[in-house]
C-alpha cells in the first residue's frame, strides 16, 4: 500500500508529526530504529506537563497515541531512499522490505560526538552532561565543571552559562587556548580556570575527579561538556538536499528542503532543539506536508475534470 507520508525517525519530532497527520486522516508510516539520543538520561526536563518523566516513557505514550488514530509504526532502519517520480518515494529497509510514500519527513536526529577523554562515555547522560537547561536545576549550587572540546564556541559559551546555576564553577579549557580578553571575562563572571589537557573523568561515587595530564585532580559533582553535533542526515544527503558546512540540511521555516516532498524536523536540522521544540517542529512540518498533499490532490482533480470535459 502506498502511504501518504513516510516518517523516518520515531522520536519526539517524528511522532508529533505522525500524530498530526494521522488525525488528518493521512496514511502515515513511521520507521524507527529505536535508538533515541537521550536514552542515557533518566529524566527529561523543560517539557510542560512532562518535566521529570523518563524519556522512554514519553516515547511509549507517543507511540500509543499515534497507533490509536490509525498511524503505523515499524521498527527498523531505512537504508536507502529514492525519488521514483512525482509524489513517489521508495524506501528500502534493513530487512529488505520497501515502503512507498507520496512525501517524506526525515526526523533522524543527530549524533553527539564526545571528546576523546577517558570516562566521558561511561558517565554520559548522568554525571557528564551538556545542556544546563536540561540538567542545571537538578545540580544547582553544587561544584560544577565545564570541559572544553572541539566545539570551541559552544564550550566558551557553556562555561559562562553554567555559572548561572552555581557559584562554584571550574572551566577546564583542555585543548582550547583562551585569549586574554576571554580570560578576563570568565574571571569577571566568577569562573575559576584550570589550564592543562584533561586526560580522564573518573567517577568517585558521589562525584567526579577531573584528572589533568600533569596529575592534578579537581573534584566536581557534575561535568558539562560541549559535544560536536553531527546530523544523522545521510538519507537527506543521498537525495541531494542542500546543507550547510556542518552537514545540517537547509530548510524553510516548516522544514521543507530543496527537494519537493521532502521535509526535515527536529535535531536533524536544528541542533539546539529541546524536546518541546522538536515536538513543535514535527507538528509544523506535518501541517505543511498535509497542505502540500492537499494542493497536489486538488490540482490533480482539476486536471482530471478538464480532461473529461474535453472528451
C-alpha atoms as a PDB file:
ATOM      1  CA  UNK A   1       0.000   0.000   0.000  1.00  0.00           C
ATOM      2  CA  UNK A   2       1.242   3.462  -0.860  1.00  0.00           C
ATOM      3  CA  UNK A   3       1.355   5.736   2.158  1.00  0.00           C
ATOM      4  CA  UNK A   4       0.749   9.457   2.105  1.00  0.00           C
ATOM      5  CA  UNK A   5       3.764  10.163   4.296  1.00  0.00           C
ATOM      6  CA  UNK A   6       6.772   8.138   5.360  1.00  0.00           C
ATOM      7  CA  UNK A   7       8.364   9.425   8.564  1.00  0.00           C
ATOM      8  CA  UNK A   8      11.892   8.207   9.209  1.00  0.00           C
ATOM      9  CA  UNK A   9      12.627   8.520  12.912  1.00  0.00           C
ATOM     10  CA  UNK A  10      10.199   7.955  15.759  1.00  0.00           C
ATOM     11  CA  UNK A  11      11.461  10.427  18.330  1.00  0.00           C
ATOM     12  CA  UNK A  12       9.587  13.457  19.597  1.00  0.00           C
ATOM     13  CA  UNK A  13       9.581  15.244  16.232  1.00  0.00           C
ATOM     14  CA  UNK A  14       8.636  12.183  14.187  1.00  0.00           C
ATOM     15  CA  UNK A  15       5.847  11.018  16.494  1.00  0.00           C
ATOM     16  CA  UNK A  16       4.399  14.530  16.818  1.00  0.00           C
ATOM     17  CA  UNK A  17       4.240  14.755  13.025  1.00  0.00           C
ATOM     18  CA  UNK A  18       2.712  11.296  12.762  1.00  0.00           C
ATOM     19  CA  UNK A  19       0.006  12.182  15.279  1.00  0.00           C
ATOM     20  CA  UNK A  20      -0.993  15.353  13.411  1.00  0.00           C
ATOM     21  CA  UNK A  21      -1.022  13.604  10.025  1.00  0.00           C
ATOM     22  CA  UNK A  22      -2.907  10.534  11.226  1.00  0.00           C
ATOM     23  CA  UNK A  23      -5.512  12.767  12.842  1.00  0.00           C
ATOM     24  CA  UNK A  24      -5.814  14.466   9.430  1.00  0.00           C
ATOM     25  CA  UNK A  25      -6.770  11.037   8.034  1.00  0.00           C
ATOM     26  CA  UNK A  26      -3.490  10.621   6.163  1.00  0.00           C
ATOM     27  CA  UNK A  27      -1.917   7.194   5.736  1.00  0.00           C
ATOM     28  CA  UNK A  28       1.271   7.504   7.792  1.00  0.00           C
ATOM     29  CA  UNK A  29       4.130   5.074   8.299  1.00  0.00           C
ATOM     30  CA  UNK A  30       6.815   5.715  10.928  1.00  0.00           C
ATOM     31  CA  UNK A  31      10.031   3.717  10.627  1.00  0.00           C
ATOM     32  CA  UNK A  32      12.143   3.952  13.751  1.00  0.00           C
ATOM     33  CA  UNK A  33      15.448   2.348  14.734  1.00  0.00           C
ATOM     34  CA  UNK A  34      14.610   2.772  18.447  1.00  0.00           C
ATOM     35  CA  UNK A  35      17.965   4.394  19.285  1.00  0.00           C
ATOM     36  CA  UNK A  36      16.935   7.688  20.918  1.00  0.00           C
ATOM     37  CA  UNK A  37      19.695  10.199  21.547  1.00  0.00           C
ATOM     38  CA  UNK A  38      18.547  10.838  25.127  1.00  0.00           C
ATOM     39  CA  UNK A  39      18.403   7.156  26.126  1.00  0.00           C
ATOM     40  CA  UNK A  40      21.247   7.529  28.692  1.00  0.00           C
ATOM     41  CA  UNK A  41      19.246  10.150  30.605  1.00  0.00           C
ATOM     42  CA  UNK A  42      16.829   9.056  33.294  1.00  0.00           C
ATOM     43  CA  UNK A  43      14.689  12.185  33.158  1.00  0.00           C
ATOM     44  CA  UNK A  44      13.633  14.845  30.676  1.00  0.00           C
ATOM     45  CA  UNK A  45      13.091  18.473  31.617  1.00  0.00           C
ATOM     46  CA  UNK A  46      11.577  21.645  30.245  1.00  0.00           C
ATOM     47  CA  UNK A  47       8.643  19.862  28.597  1.00  0.00           C
ATOM     48  CA  UNK A  48       5.448  21.337  30.015  1.00  0.00           C
ATOM     49  CA  UNK A  49       3.381  18.715  31.929  1.00  0.00           C
ATOM     50  CA  UNK A  50       6.137  16.117  31.419  1.00  0.00           C
ATOM     51  CA  UNK A  51       9.008  17.559  33.470  1.00  0.00           C
ATOM     52  CA  UNK A  52      10.948  14.775  35.195  1.00  0.00           C
ATOM     53  CA  UNK A  53       9.450  11.985  33.087  1.00  0.00           C
ATOM     54  CA  UNK A  54      11.644   9.177  31.801  1.00  0.00           C
ATOM     55  CA  UNK A  55      12.368   9.862  28.090  1.00  0.00           C
ATOM     56  CA  UNK A  56      11.410   6.305  27.145  1.00  0.00           C
ATOM     57  CA  UNK A  57       8.026   6.718  28.792  1.00  0.00           C
ATOM     58  CA  UNK A  58       7.344   9.832  26.740  1.00  0.00           C
ATOM     59  CA  UNK A  59       8.010   7.884  23.537  1.00  0.00           C
ATOM     60  CA  UNK A  60       5.869   4.952  24.691  1.00  0.00           C
ATOM     61  CA  UNK A  61       2.927   7.289  25.233  1.00  0.00           C
ATOM     62  CA  UNK A  62       3.561   8.966  21.885  1.00  0.00           C
ATOM     63  CA  UNK A  63       3.591   5.642  20.025  1.00  0.00           C
ATOM     64  CA  UNK A  64       0.327   4.618  21.650  1.00  0.00           C
ATOM     65  CA  UNK A  65      -1.336   7.872  20.654  1.00  0.00           C
ATOM     66  CA  UNK A  66      -0.189   7.525  17.034  1.00  0.00           C
ATOM     67  CA  UNK A  67      -1.415   3.933  16.825  1.00  0.00           C
ATOM     68  CA  UNK A  68      -4.780   4.851  18.365  1.00  0.00           C
ATOM     69  CA  UNK A  69      -5.569   7.211  15.476  1.00  0.00           C
ATOM     70  CA  UNK A  70      -4.504   4.819  12.734  1.00  0.00           C
ATOM     71  CA  UNK A  71      -0.840   5.606  12.220  1.00  0.00           C
ATOM     72  CA  UNK A  72       1.576   2.730  11.574  1.00  0.00           C
ATOM     73  CA  UNK A  73       4.940   2.220  13.276  1.00  0.00           C
ATOM     74  CA  UNK A  74       7.649  -0.214  12.232  1.00  0.00           C
ATOM     75  CA  UNK A  75      10.940  -0.843  13.965  1.00  0.00           C
ATOM     76  CA  UNK A  76      13.863  -0.869  11.575  1.00  0.00           C
ATOM     77  CA  UNK A  77      16.324   1.247   9.625  1.00  0.00           C
ATOM     78  CA  UNK A  78      15.804   2.882   6.249  1.00  0.00           C
ATOM     79  CA  UNK A  79      18.957   2.007   4.337  1.00  0.00           C
ATOM     80  CA  UNK A  80      18.081   3.737   1.058  1.00  0.00           C
ATOM     81  CA  UNK A  81      15.613   6.370  -0.081  1.00  0.00           C
ATOM     82  CA  UNK A  82      14.978   7.284  -3.703  1.00  0.00           C
ATOM     83  CA  UNK A  83      12.701   9.531  -5.740  1.00  0.00           C
ATOM     84  CA  UNK A  84      10.832   7.393  -8.264  1.00  0.00           C
ATOM     85  CA  UNK A  85       8.661  10.154  -9.721  1.00  0.00           C
ATOM     86  CA  UNK A  86       6.293  12.969  -8.735  1.00  0.00           C
ATOM     87  CA  UNK A  87       4.923  12.181  -5.277  1.00  0.00           C
ATOM     88  CA  UNK A  88       6.589   8.777  -5.334  1.00  0.00           C
ATOM     89  CA  UNK A  89       9.351   7.970  -2.879  1.00  0.00           C
ATOM     90  CA  UNK A  90      10.662   4.481  -2.261  1.00  0.00           C
ATOM     91  CA  UNK A  91      12.395   3.480   0.963  1.00  0.00           C
ATOM     92  CA  UNK A  92      14.283   0.244   1.460  1.00  0.00           C
ATOM     93  CA  UNK A  93      14.547  -1.111   4.983  1.00  0.00           C
ATOM     94  CA  UNK A  94      17.291  -3.188   6.573  1.00  0.00           C
ATOM     95  CA  UNK A  95      15.060  -6.277   6.453  1.00  0.00           C
ATOM     96  CA  UNK A  96      14.833  -5.994   2.649  1.00  0.00           C
ATOM     97  CA  UNK A  97      11.250  -4.708   2.565  1.00  0.00           C
ATOM     98  CA  UNK A  98      10.182  -1.462   0.906  1.00  0.00           C
ATOM     99  CA  UNK A  99       7.809   1.358   1.762  1.00  0.00           C
ATOM    100  CA  UNK A 100       6.311   3.657  -0.860  1.00  0.00           C
ATOM    101  CA  UNK A 101       5.034   7.122   0.024  1.00  0.00           C
ATOM    102  CA  UNK A 102       3.938  10.361  -1.576  1.00  0.00           C
ATOM    103  CA  UNK A 103       6.063  12.520   0.731  1.00  0.00           C
ATOM    104  CA  UNK A 104       8.784  12.047   3.324  1.00  0.00           C
ATOM    105  CA  UNK A 105       9.703  13.549   6.663  1.00  0.00           C
ATOM    106  CA  UNK A 106      13.197  12.840   7.985  1.00  0.00           C
ATOM    107  CA  UNK A 107      13.395  13.110  11.783  1.00  0.00           C
ATOM    108  CA  UNK A 108      16.517  11.059  12.450  1.00  0.00           C
ATOM    109  CA  UNK A 109      18.105  13.493  14.906  1.00  0.00           C
ATOM    110  CA  UNK A 110      21.831  13.900  15.444  1.00  0.00           C
ATOM    111  CA  UNK A 111      24.840  12.213  16.982  1.00  0.00           C
ATOM    112  CA  UNK A 112      26.755  13.644  19.927  1.00  0.00           C
ATOM    113  CA  UNK A 113      30.448  13.231  19.158  1.00  0.00           C
ATOM    114  CA  UNK A 114      32.062  13.329  22.591  1.00  0.00           C
ATOM    115  CA  UNK A 115      35.611  14.449  23.394  1.00  0.00           C
ATOM    116  CA  UNK A 116      38.140  11.636  23.393  1.00  0.00           C
ATOM    117  CA  UNK A 117      38.589  11.658  27.150  1.00  0.00           C
ATOM    118  CA  UNK A 118      38.529   8.524  29.295  1.00  0.00           C
ATOM    119  CA  UNK A 119      35.371   8.248  31.375  1.00  0.00           C
ATOM    120  CA  UNK A 120      33.251  10.677  29.361  1.00  0.00           C
ATOM    121  CA  UNK A 121      31.273   7.975  27.562  1.00  0.00           C
ATOM    122  CA  UNK A 122      30.842   5.925  30.740  1.00  0.00           C
ATOM    123  CA  UNK A 123      29.210   8.789  32.654  1.00  0.00           C
ATOM    124  CA  UNK A 124      27.439  10.406  29.692  1.00  0.00           C
ATOM    125  CA  UNK A 125      23.848  11.408  30.439  1.00  0.00           C
ATOM    126  CA  UNK A 126      24.339  11.025  34.185  1.00  0.00           C
ATOM    127  CA  UNK A 127      27.222  12.938  35.813  1.00  0.00           C
ATOM    128  CA  UNK A 128      28.549  14.131  32.449  1.00  0.00           C
ATOM    129  CA  UNK A 129      26.012  16.222  30.540  1.00  0.00           C
ATOM    130  CA  UNK A 130      25.914  19.035  28.016  1.00  0.00           C
ATOM    131  CA  UNK A 131      22.696  21.056  28.409  1.00  0.00           C
ATOM    132  CA  UNK A 132      22.300  23.239  31.518  1.00  0.00           C
ATOM    133  CA  UNK A 133      18.678  23.932  30.606  1.00  0.00           C
ATOM    134  CA  UNK A 134      18.025  20.193  30.826  1.00  0.00           C
ATOM    135  CA  UNK A 135      20.191  19.355  33.840  1.00  0.00           C
ATOM    136  CA  UNK A 136      21.278  22.587  35.538  1.00  0.00           C
ATOM    137  CA  UNK A 137      18.423  22.908  38.014  1.00  0.00           C
ATOM    138  CA  UNK A 138      18.976  19.440  39.449  1.00  0.00           C
ATOM    139  CA  UNK A 139      22.669  20.189  40.180  1.00  0.00           C
ATOM    140  CA  UNK A 140      22.266  23.850  41.142  1.00  0.00           C
ATOM    141  CA  UNK A 141      24.521  25.074  43.915  1.00  0.00           C
ATOM    142  CA  UNK A 142      26.970  22.177  43.609  1.00  0.00           C
ATOM    143  CA  UNK A 143      30.558  22.001  42.380  1.00  0.00           C
ATOM    144  CA  UNK A 144      30.321  22.098  38.582  1.00  0.00           C
ATOM    145  CA  UNK A 145      32.943  21.709  35.894  1.00  0.00           C
ATOM    146  CA  UNK A 146      32.971  22.563  32.209  1.00  0.00           C
ATOM    147  CA  UNK A 147      35.438  20.748  29.947  1.00  0.00           C
ATOM    148  CA  UNK A 148      36.298  22.360  26.625  1.00  0.00           C
ATOM    149  CA  UNK A 149      36.134  20.304  23.440  1.00  0.00           C
ATOM    150  CA  UNK A 150      36.354  20.561  19.677  1.00  0.00           C
ATOM    151  CA  UNK A 151      33.233  22.729  19.581  1.00  0.00           C
ATOM    152  CA  UNK A 152      35.073  25.853  20.788  1.00  0.00           C
ATOM    153  CA  UNK A 153      32.263  28.457  20.535  1.00  0.00           C
ATOM    154  CA  UNK A 154      29.867  26.130  22.341  1.00  0.00           C
ATOM    155  CA  UNK A 155      32.406  25.392  25.088  1.00  0.00           C
ATOM    156  CA  UNK A 156      33.207  29.050  25.737  1.00  0.00           C
ATOM    157  CA  UNK A 157      29.527  29.977  25.901  1.00  0.00           C
ATOM    158  CA  UNK A 158      28.769  26.954  28.071  1.00  0.00           C
ATOM    159  CA  UNK A 159      31.429  27.919  30.628  1.00  0.00           C
ATOM    160  CA  UNK A 160      29.834  31.337  31.150  1.00  0.00           C
ATOM    161  CA  UNK A 161      26.292  29.976  31.079  1.00  0.00           C
ATOM    162  CA  UNK A 162      26.735  27.177  33.620  1.00  0.00           C
ATOM    163  CA  UNK A 163      27.826  29.764  36.217  1.00  0.00           C
ATOM    164  CA  UNK A 164      24.149  30.758  36.392  1.00  0.00           C
ATOM    165  CA  UNK A 165      23.382  27.551  38.301  1.00  0.00           C
ATOM    166  CA  UNK A 166      26.277  27.583  40.758  1.00  0.00           C
ATOM    167  CA  UNK A 167      28.807  29.878  42.415  1.00  0.00           C
ATOM    168  CA  UNK A 168      31.403  27.097  42.203  1.00  0.00           C
ATOM    169  CA  UNK A 169      32.286  26.566  38.538  1.00  0.00           C
ATOM    170  CA  UNK A 170      35.655  25.454  37.162  1.00  0.00           C
ATOM    171  CA  UNK A 171      36.390  25.713  33.445  1.00  0.00           C
ATOM    172  CA  UNK A 172      38.914  23.276  32.026  1.00  0.00           C
ATOM    173  CA  UNK A 173      39.838  24.706  28.589  1.00  0.00           C
ATOM    174  CA  UNK A 174      41.540  21.380  27.796  1.00  0.00           C
ATOM    175  CA  UNK A 175      42.709  21.837  24.185  1.00  0.00           C
ATOM    176  CA  UNK A 176      41.263  25.352  23.849  1.00  0.00           C
ATOM    177  CA  UNK A 177      43.615  28.330  24.004  1.00  0.00           C
ATOM    178  CA  UNK A 178      41.944  31.246  25.793  1.00  0.00           C
ATOM    179  CA  UNK A 179      42.952  34.757  24.815  1.00  0.00           C
ATOM    180  CA  UNK A 180      43.431  37.476  27.500  1.00  0.00           C
ATOM    181  CA  UNK A 181      40.039  39.090  26.892  1.00  0.00           C
ATOM    182  CA  UNK A 182      38.217  35.759  27.199  1.00  0.00           C
ATOM    183  CA  UNK A 183      40.167  35.000  30.345  1.00  0.00           C
ATOM    184  CA  UNK A 184      39.190  38.353  31.825  1.00  0.00           C
ATOM    185  CA  UNK A 185      35.508  37.875  31.001  1.00  0.00           C
ATOM    186  CA  UNK A 186      35.382  34.408  32.558  1.00  0.00           C
ATOM    187  CA  UNK A 187      37.200  35.627  35.655  1.00  0.00           C
ATOM    188  CA  UNK A 188      34.782  38.557  35.957  1.00  0.00           C
ATOM    189  CA  UNK A 189      31.954  36.047  35.796  1.00  0.00           C
ATOM    190  CA  UNK A 190      33.451  34.298  38.841  1.00  0.00           C
ATOM    191  CA  UNK A 191      34.679  31.221  36.998  1.00  0.00           C
ATOM    192  CA  UNK A 192      37.923  29.538  38.024  1.00  0.00           C
ATOM    193  CA  UNK A 193      40.081  28.424  35.105  1.00  0.00           C
ATOM    194  CA  UNK A 194      42.290  25.346  35.361  1.00  0.00           C
ATOM    195  CA  UNK A 195      44.601  25.054  32.374  1.00  0.00           C
ATOM    196  CA  UNK A 196      46.036  21.823  31.004  1.00  0.00           C
ATOM    197  CA  UNK A 197      44.908  18.840  28.994  1.00  0.00           C
ATOM    198  CA  UNK A 198      42.206  16.700  30.582  1.00  0.00           C
ATOM    199  CA  UNK A 199      43.144  13.016  30.499  1.00  0.00           C
ATOM    200  CA  UNK A 200      40.259  11.418  32.367  1.00  0.00           C
ATOM    201  CA  UNK A 201      36.985  11.972  34.162  1.00  0.00           C
ATOM    202  CA  UNK A 202      36.891   9.433  36.986  1.00  0.00           C
ATOM    203  CA  UNK A 203      33.758   8.543  38.938  1.00  0.00           C
ATOM    204  CA  UNK A 204      34.221   8.639  42.709  1.00  0.00           C
ATOM    205  CA  UNK A 205      30.817   7.568  43.974  1.00  0.00           C
ATOM    206  CA  UNK A 206      29.378  10.930  44.936  1.00  0.00           C
ATOM    207  CA  UNK A 207      31.135  12.917  42.226  1.00  0.00           C
ATOM    208  CA  UNK A 208      33.854  13.025  39.612  1.00  0.00           C
ATOM    209  CA  UNK A 209      37.568  13.706  39.601  1.00  0.00           C
ATOM    210  CA  UNK A 210      38.756  15.629  36.570  1.00  0.00           C
ATOM    211  CA  UNK A 211      42.312  14.361  36.066  1.00  0.00           C
ATOM    212  CA  UNK A 212      44.773  16.503  34.114  1.00  0.00           C
ATOM    213  CA  UNK A 213      47.870  15.387  32.237  1.00  0.00           C
ATOM    214  CA  UNK A 214      50.093  16.835  34.956  1.00  0.00           C
ATOM    215  CA  UNK A 215      48.399  14.602  37.542  1.00  0.00           C
ATOM    216  CA  UNK A 216      46.286  17.326  39.128  1.00  0.00           C
ATOM    217  CA  UNK A 217      42.833  16.210  40.279  1.00  0.00           C
ATOM    218  CA  UNK A 218      39.871  18.536  40.666  1.00  0.00           C
ATOM    219  CA  UNK A 219      36.736  17.175  42.349  1.00  0.00           C
ATOM    220  CA  UNK A 220      33.414  18.121  40.783  1.00  0.00           C
ATOM    221  CA  UNK A 221      29.866  16.829  41.308  1.00  0.00           C
ATOM    222  CA  UNK A 222      28.868  17.198  37.645  1.00  0.00           C
ATOM    223  CA  UNK A 223      30.803  17.961  34.479  1.00  0.00           C
ATOM    224  CA  UNK A 224      29.377  19.720  31.441  1.00  0.00           C
ATOM    225  CA  UNK A 225      30.940  19.201  28.032  1.00  0.00           C
ATOM    226  CA  UNK A 226      30.325  20.503  24.530  1.00  0.00           C
ATOM    227  CA  UNK A 227      29.900  17.666  22.031  1.00  0.00           C
ATOM    228  CA  UNK A 228      30.283  18.144  18.316  1.00  0.00           C
ATOM    229  CA  UNK A 229      26.790  17.813  16.851  1.00  0.00           C
ATOM    230  CA  UNK A 230      26.627  15.718  13.683  1.00  0.00           C
ATOM    231  CA  UNK A 231      23.242  15.397  11.966  1.00  0.00           C
ATOM    232  CA  UNK A 232      22.076  11.890  11.089  1.00  0.00           C
ATOM    233  CA  UNK A 233      21.277  13.208   7.628  1.00  0.00           C
ATOM    234  CA  UNK A 234      22.659  10.547   5.297  1.00  0.00           C
ATOM    235  CA  UNK A 235      19.262   9.940   3.698  1.00  0.00           C
ATOM    236  CA  UNK A 236      18.772  13.651   3.068  1.00  0.00           C
ATOM    237  CA  UNK A 237      22.240  13.921   1.540  1.00  0.00           C
ATOM    238  CA  UNK A 238      21.566  10.916  -0.678  1.00  0.00           C
ATOM    239  CA  UNK A 239      18.512  12.684  -2.100  1.00  0.00           C
ATOM    240  CA  UNK A 240      20.586  15.760  -2.899  1.00  0.00           C
ATOM    241  CA  UNK A 241      19.177  18.015  -0.191  1.00  0.00           C
ATOM    242  CA  UNK A 242      21.127  21.224   0.271  1.00  0.00           C
ATOM    243  CA  UNK A 243      23.053  21.532   3.526  1.00  0.00           C
ATOM    244  CA  UNK A 244      25.371  23.881   5.378  1.00  0.00           C
ATOM    245  CA  UNK A 245      29.072  23.409   6.099  1.00  0.00           C
ATOM    246  CA  UNK A 246      28.276  21.306   9.189  1.00  0.00           C
ATOM    247  CA  UNK A 247      26.066  18.910   7.225  1.00  0.00           C
ATOM    248  CA  UNK A 248      22.752  20.185   8.564  1.00  0.00           C
ATOM    249  CA  UNK A 249      20.078  20.387   5.821  1.00  0.00           C
ATOM    250  CA  UNK A 250      18.909  23.853   4.882  1.00  0.00           C
ATOM    251  CA  UNK A 251      15.141  24.176   5.094  1.00  0.00           C
ATOM    252  CA  UNK A 252      12.399  26.761   5.222  1.00  0.00           C
ATOM    253  CA  UNK A 253      10.530  27.552   8.435  1.00  0.00           C
ATOM    254  CA  UNK A 254       8.344  24.439   8.071  1.00  0.00           C
ATOM    255  CA  UNK A 255      11.281  22.073   7.490  1.00  0.00           C
ATOM    256  CA  UNK A 256      10.852  21.830   3.701  1.00  0.00           C
ATOM    257  CA  UNK A 257      14.115  21.020   1.923  1.00  0.00           C
ATOM    258  CA  UNK A 258      15.030  21.964  -1.623  1.00  0.00           C
ATOM    259  CA  UNK A 259      13.662  18.580  -2.778  1.00  0.00           C
ATOM    260  CA  UNK A 260       9.883  18.776  -3.380  1.00  0.00           C
ATOM    261  CA  UNK A 261       8.028  16.497  -0.983  1.00  0.00           C
ATOM    262  CA  UNK A 262      10.917  16.116   1.483  1.00  0.00           C
ATOM    263  CA  UNK A 263      10.838  17.688   4.933  1.00  0.00           C
ATOM    264  CA  UNK A 264      13.192  17.533   7.919  1.00  0.00           C
ATOM    265  CA  UNK A 265      12.307  18.205  11.554  1.00  0.00           C
ATOM    266  CA  UNK A 266      13.915  18.050  14.980  1.00  0.00           C
ATOM    267  CA  UNK A 267      17.613  17.793  15.732  1.00  0.00           C
ATOM    268  CA  UNK A 268      18.451  16.638  12.198  1.00  0.00           C
ATOM    269  CA  UNK A 269      18.105  20.264  11.077  1.00  0.00           C
ATOM    270  CA  UNK A 270      18.128  22.133  14.398  1.00  0.00           C
ATOM    271  CA  UNK A 271      20.991  21.110  16.684  1.00  0.00           C
ATOM    272  CA  UNK A 272      19.921  23.080  19.787  1.00  0.00           C
ATOM    273  CA  UNK A 273      16.287  21.937  19.644  1.00  0.00           C
ATOM    274  CA  UNK A 274      14.912  20.909  23.042  1.00  0.00           C
ATOM    275  CA  UNK A 275      12.311  18.137  23.140  1.00  0.00           C
ATOM    276  CA  UNK A 276       9.461  20.609  23.251  1.00  0.00           C
ATOM    277  CA  UNK A 277      10.901  22.454  20.235  1.00  0.00           C
ATOM    278  CA  UNK A 278      11.321  19.169  18.352  1.00  0.00           C
ATOM    279  CA  UNK A 279       7.675  18.342  19.032  1.00  0.00           C
ATOM    280  CA  UNK A 280       6.663  21.751  17.708  1.00  0.00           C
ATOM    281  CA  UNK A 281       8.830  21.313  14.603  1.00  0.00           C
ATOM    282  CA  UNK A 282       7.231  17.935  13.911  1.00  0.00           C
ATOM    283  CA  UNK A 283       3.749  19.407  14.196  1.00  0.00           C
ATOM    284  CA  UNK A 284       4.648  22.350  11.955  1.00  0.00           C
ATOM    285  CA  UNK A 285       6.160  20.072   9.316  1.00  0.00           C
ATOM    286  CA  UNK A 286       3.118  17.784   9.419  1.00  0.00           C
ATOM    287  CA  UNK A 287       0.725  20.641   8.710  1.00  0.00           C
ATOM    288  CA  UNK A 288       2.901  21.829   5.823  1.00  0.00           C
ATOM    289  CA  UNK A 289       3.066  18.279   4.477  1.00  0.00           C
ATOM    290  CA  UNK A 290      -0.695  17.927   4.625  1.00  0.00           C
ATOM    291  CA  UNK A 291      -1.151  21.215   2.756  1.00  0.00           C
ATOM    292  CA  UNK A 292       1.393  20.056   0.167  1.00  0.00           C
ATOM    293  CA  UNK A 293      -0.605  16.877  -0.447  1.00  0.00           C
ATOM    294  CA  UNK A 294      -3.870  18.805  -0.461  1.00  0.00           C
ATOM    295  CA  UNK A 295      -2.648  21.187  -3.157  1.00  0.00           C
ATOM    296  CA  UNK A 296      -1.483  18.289  -5.302  1.00  0.00           C
ATOM    297  CA  UNK A 297      -4.792  16.443  -4.882  1.00  0.00           C
ATOM    298  CA  UNK A 298      -6.797  19.499  -5.935  1.00  0.00           C
ATOM    299  CA  UNK A 299      -4.563  20.179  -8.939  1.00  0.00           C
ATOM    300  CA  UNK A 300      -4.815  16.525  -9.961  1.00  0.00           C
ATOM    301  CA  UNK A 301      -8.616  16.591  -9.630  1.00  0.00           C
ATOM    302  CA  UNK A 302      -8.886  19.796 -11.666  1.00  0.00           C
ATOM    303  CA  UNK A 303      -6.714  18.296 -14.409  1.00  0.00           C
ATOM    304  CA  UNK A 304      -8.913  15.197 -14.415  1.00  0.00           C
ATOM    305  CA  UNK A 305     -12.099  17.259 -14.713  1.00  0.00           C
ATOM    306  CA  UNK A 306     -10.638  19.283 -17.561  1.00  0.00           C
ATOM    307  CA  UNK A 307      -9.683  16.109 -19.402  1.00  0.00           C
ATOM    308  CA  UNK A 308     -13.211  14.708 -19.035  1.00  0.00           C
ATOM    309  CA  UNK A 309     -14.787  17.932 -20.255  1.00  0.00           C
ATOM    310  CA  UNK A 310     -12.599  17.957 -23.321  1.00  0.00           C
ATOM    311  CA  UNK A 311     -13.710  14.468 -24.349  1.00  0.00           C
END
